[in-house]
N, C-alpha and C. Protein backbone atom coordinates (compact mmCIF):
# COMPACT_ATOMS: atom_id res chain seq x y z
N MET A 1 45.41 52.11 -41.34
CA MET A 1 44.89 51.80 -40.24
C MET A 1 43.60 52.83 -39.89
N GLU A 2 43.53 54.17 -40.11
CA GLU A 2 42.67 54.37 -40.02
C GLU A 2 41.56 54.31 -40.67
N GLN A 3 41.57 54.30 -42.03
CA GLN A 3 39.95 53.27 -42.83
C GLN A 3 39.87 52.29 -42.23
N LEU A 4 40.23 51.30 -41.37
CA LEU A 4 39.49 50.30 -40.59
C LEU A 4 39.16 50.92 -39.00
N ALA A 5 39.53 51.62 -38.58
CA ALA A 5 39.71 51.49 -37.30
C ALA A 5 38.13 51.53 -36.63
N ASP A 6 36.83 52.04 -37.30
CA ASP A 6 35.76 52.01 -36.93
C ASP A 6 34.60 51.01 -37.89
N ARG A 7 35.52 50.20 -38.34
CA ARG A 7 34.55 48.88 -39.31
C ARG A 7 34.67 47.65 -38.46
N SER A 8 33.74 47.10 -38.32
CA SER A 8 33.69 45.90 -37.88
C SER A 8 34.21 44.56 -38.91
N LEU A 9 35.36 44.09 -38.45
CA LEU A 9 35.88 42.97 -39.57
C LEU A 9 36.53 41.88 -39.33
N LEU A 10 36.39 40.75 -40.25
CA LEU A 10 37.25 39.54 -39.74
C LEU A 10 38.87 39.21 -40.50
N LEU A 11 39.82 39.17 -39.85
CA LEU A 11 40.85 39.27 -40.37
C LEU A 11 41.15 37.47 -40.25
N VAL A 12 41.28 36.67 -41.35
CA VAL A 12 41.48 35.25 -41.43
C VAL A 12 43.40 35.00 -41.54
N LEU A 13 43.92 34.60 -40.70
CA LEU A 13 45.28 34.44 -40.85
C LEU A 13 45.22 32.74 -40.82
N ASP A 14 46.00 32.20 -41.53
CA ASP A 14 45.92 30.57 -42.14
C ASP A 14 47.94 30.23 -41.70
N ASN A 15 47.81 28.97 -40.90
CA ASN A 15 49.03 28.83 -40.60
C ASN A 15 49.93 29.68 -40.16
N CYS A 16 49.57 29.95 -39.46
CA CYS A 16 50.44 30.93 -38.75
C CYS A 16 51.91 30.42 -37.93
N GLU A 17 51.83 28.95 -37.59
CA GLU A 17 53.09 28.58 -37.12
C GLU A 17 54.31 28.83 -37.51
N HIS A 18 53.75 29.00 -38.86
CA HIS A 18 55.22 29.20 -39.83
C HIS A 18 55.66 30.40 -39.87
N VAL A 19 54.84 31.57 -39.41
CA VAL A 19 55.45 32.92 -39.12
C VAL A 19 54.87 33.36 -37.53
N ILE A 20 55.01 33.04 -36.72
CA ILE A 20 54.59 32.91 -35.29
C ILE A 20 54.81 34.29 -34.92
N ASP A 21 56.11 35.04 -35.17
CA ASP A 21 56.24 35.92 -34.31
C ASP A 21 55.88 37.43 -35.29
N ALA A 22 55.93 37.33 -36.50
CA ALA A 22 55.55 38.20 -37.13
C ALA A 22 53.77 38.40 -36.99
N ALA A 23 53.12 36.75 -37.32
CA ALA A 23 51.79 37.34 -37.06
C ALA A 23 51.15 37.71 -35.91
N ALA A 24 52.01 37.08 -34.77
CA ALA A 24 51.63 37.80 -33.13
C ALA A 24 51.37 39.59 -33.21
N ALA A 25 52.73 40.03 -33.77
CA ALA A 25 52.79 41.14 -33.91
C ALA A 25 51.99 42.10 -34.72
N LEU A 26 51.32 41.70 -35.95
CA LEU A 26 50.34 41.98 -36.64
C LEU A 26 49.21 42.42 -36.18
N ALA A 27 48.93 40.92 -35.48
CA ALA A 27 47.76 41.12 -35.10
C ALA A 27 47.40 42.19 -33.74
N GLU A 28 48.33 42.14 -32.93
CA GLU A 28 48.62 43.18 -31.82
C GLU A 28 48.37 44.43 -32.07
N THR A 29 49.00 44.68 -33.33
CA THR A 29 49.61 45.91 -34.04
C THR A 29 47.72 46.43 -34.05
N LEU A 30 47.14 45.35 -35.11
CA LEU A 30 45.96 45.78 -35.74
C LEU A 30 44.83 46.00 -34.82
N LEU A 31 45.00 45.08 -33.89
CA LEU A 31 44.02 45.20 -32.71
C LEU A 31 44.03 45.88 -31.42
N THR A 32 45.42 46.47 -31.53
CA THR A 32 45.24 47.78 -30.82
C THR A 32 44.62 49.05 -31.59
N HIS A 33 44.83 49.32 -32.72
CA HIS A 33 44.15 50.55 -33.42
C HIS A 33 43.17 50.38 -33.90
N CYS A 34 42.05 48.95 -34.08
CA CYS A 34 41.22 48.46 -35.08
C CYS A 34 40.04 48.23 -33.64
N PRO A 35 39.77 48.22 -32.87
CA PRO A 35 38.96 48.03 -31.79
C PRO A 35 37.72 46.87 -32.14
N ARG A 36 37.21 47.12 -33.37
CA ARG A 36 35.90 46.25 -33.49
C ARG A 36 36.32 45.34 -35.08
N LEU A 37 37.69 44.99 -35.01
CA LEU A 37 38.49 43.82 -35.68
C LEU A 37 38.34 42.61 -34.92
N ARG A 38 38.13 41.50 -35.36
CA ARG A 38 38.46 40.14 -35.05
C ARG A 38 39.50 39.57 -35.56
N ILE A 39 40.31 38.57 -35.03
CA ILE A 39 40.57 37.87 -36.16
C ILE A 39 40.64 36.07 -35.74
N LEU A 40 40.69 35.47 -36.76
CA LEU A 40 40.82 34.51 -36.68
C LEU A 40 42.04 33.63 -37.38
N ALA A 41 42.97 32.91 -36.08
CA ALA A 41 43.87 32.35 -36.91
C ALA A 41 44.15 31.17 -36.79
N THR A 42 44.92 30.40 -37.54
CA THR A 42 45.08 28.99 -37.59
C THR A 42 46.50 28.54 -37.09
N SER A 43 47.31 28.07 -36.23
CA SER A 43 48.04 27.85 -36.03
C SER A 43 48.48 26.36 -35.14
N ARG A 44 49.62 25.98 -35.05
CA ARG A 44 49.50 25.08 -34.08
C ARG A 44 50.37 25.21 -32.59
N GLU A 45 50.43 26.37 -32.62
CA GLU A 45 50.91 27.33 -31.13
C GLU A 45 50.09 28.43 -31.14
N PRO A 46 49.70 28.93 -29.78
CA PRO A 46 48.90 30.28 -29.93
C PRO A 46 50.21 31.53 -30.63
N LEU A 47 49.29 32.17 -30.58
CA LEU A 47 49.89 33.74 -30.69
C LEU A 47 50.12 34.39 -29.82
N GLY A 48 49.96 34.39 -28.87
CA GLY A 48 50.21 34.99 -27.08
C GLY A 48 49.76 36.67 -27.25
N VAL A 49 48.71 36.59 -28.00
CA VAL A 49 48.37 38.48 -28.28
C VAL A 49 47.10 38.37 -26.96
N PRO A 50 47.19 39.92 -25.81
CA PRO A 50 46.24 40.02 -25.24
C PRO A 50 44.57 39.88 -25.67
N GLY A 51 44.04 38.58 -24.84
CA GLY A 51 42.78 38.62 -25.08
C GLY A 51 42.52 37.97 -26.05
N GLU A 52 43.61 36.71 -26.36
CA GLU A 52 43.41 35.73 -27.15
C GLU A 52 42.68 34.50 -26.35
N THR A 53 41.87 33.87 -27.37
CA THR A 53 41.46 32.39 -26.97
C THR A 53 41.71 31.54 -27.96
N VAL A 54 41.83 31.03 -27.23
CA VAL A 54 42.27 29.22 -28.14
C VAL A 54 41.26 28.14 -27.99
N ARG A 55 41.39 27.56 -29.22
CA ARG A 55 40.19 26.57 -29.38
C ARG A 55 41.04 25.44 -29.97
N PRO A 56 41.30 24.76 -29.42
CA PRO A 56 42.08 23.09 -29.87
C PRO A 56 40.86 22.59 -30.88
N SER A 57 41.52 21.54 -32.20
CA SER A 57 40.41 20.93 -32.85
C SER A 57 41.42 20.04 -33.33
N ASN A 58 40.69 18.81 -33.37
CA ASN A 58 41.68 17.77 -34.12
C ASN A 58 41.88 17.67 -35.49
N PRO A 59 43.14 17.27 -35.34
CA PRO A 59 43.33 17.25 -37.02
C PRO A 59 42.41 16.46 -37.81
N SER A 60 42.32 17.25 -38.98
CA SER A 60 40.92 16.53 -40.10
C SER A 60 42.06 15.80 -41.01
N ARG A 61 41.14 14.14 -41.31
CA ARG A 61 41.55 13.11 -42.19
C ARG A 61 40.78 13.33 -43.72
N PRO A 62 41.96 12.86 -44.49
CA PRO A 62 41.10 12.55 -45.50
C PRO A 62 40.18 11.20 -45.45
N THR A 63 38.95 11.70 -46.59
CA THR A 63 37.85 10.68 -46.99
C THR A 63 38.36 9.53 -47.68
N PRO A 64 38.40 8.24 -47.30
CA PRO A 64 38.86 7.29 -47.96
C PRO A 64 38.21 6.89 -48.88
N PRO A 65 39.01 6.92 -50.54
CA PRO A 65 37.62 6.66 -51.29
C PRO A 65 37.28 5.31 -51.17
N THR A 66 35.92 5.46 -52.22
CA THR A 66 35.04 4.17 -51.96
C THR A 66 34.97 3.54 -53.19
N ALA A 67 34.71 2.43 -53.09
CA ALA A 67 34.39 1.56 -54.63
C ALA A 67 34.04 1.83 -55.98
N SER A 68 32.88 3.05 -55.58
CA SER A 68 32.14 3.93 -56.40
C SER A 68 32.60 5.25 -56.89
N SER A 69 33.86 5.62 -55.89
CA SER A 69 34.53 6.49 -56.16
C SER A 69 35.89 6.03 -56.75
N SER A 70 36.15 7.83 -57.37
CA SER A 70 37.95 7.85 -58.22
C SER A 70 38.77 9.06 -57.51
N ASN A 71 39.45 8.90 -57.55
CA ASN A 71 40.78 9.82 -56.71
C ASN A 71 40.66 11.05 -58.00
N ALA A 72 40.55 10.73 -58.91
CA ALA A 72 40.67 11.46 -60.11
C ALA A 72 39.50 12.58 -59.92
N PRO A 73 40.03 13.81 -60.23
CA PRO A 73 38.74 14.88 -60.19
C PRO A 73 37.95 15.06 -61.35
N ALA A 74 36.62 15.28 -61.33
CA ALA A 74 35.54 15.33 -62.35
C ALA A 74 35.98 16.07 -63.33
N PRO A 75 35.49 15.62 -64.32
CA PRO A 75 35.97 16.75 -65.74
C PRO A 75 35.20 17.36 -65.58
N CYS A 76 35.76 18.96 -66.31
CA CYS A 76 34.83 19.92 -66.32
C CYS A 76 34.56 20.42 -67.43
N ALA A 77 33.55 20.75 -67.83
CA ALA A 77 32.38 20.84 -69.53
C ALA A 77 33.23 21.96 -69.72
N PRO A 78 33.37 22.05 -70.91
CA PRO A 78 34.12 22.86 -71.92
C PRO A 78 32.77 24.22 -71.79
N PRO A 79 33.44 25.68 -71.64
CA PRO A 79 32.64 26.56 -71.76
C PRO A 79 31.57 26.71 -72.99
N SER A 80 30.84 26.94 -72.70
CA SER A 80 29.92 27.53 -74.12
C SER A 80 30.39 28.34 -74.65
N THR A 81 30.19 28.85 -75.95
CA THR A 81 29.85 29.56 -76.72
C THR A 81 29.07 30.92 -77.43
């Protein structure tokens, strides 16, 4: 952690609700030792760490296919040799 202590960093933790206690413990430990670290965590519940700001968002919805589009992925061109 000493290598990170004086650096400005952003750490992204995704789907924390699956490991909420471990994610909260990690976040609190890192934030205690790395004052310039910022953490962006996605979760269905707050981590509960000091200084946390919760910003609720609406669930994303898939874009419905249109008549001119297909659900199949676009083909990839073979690599040129």
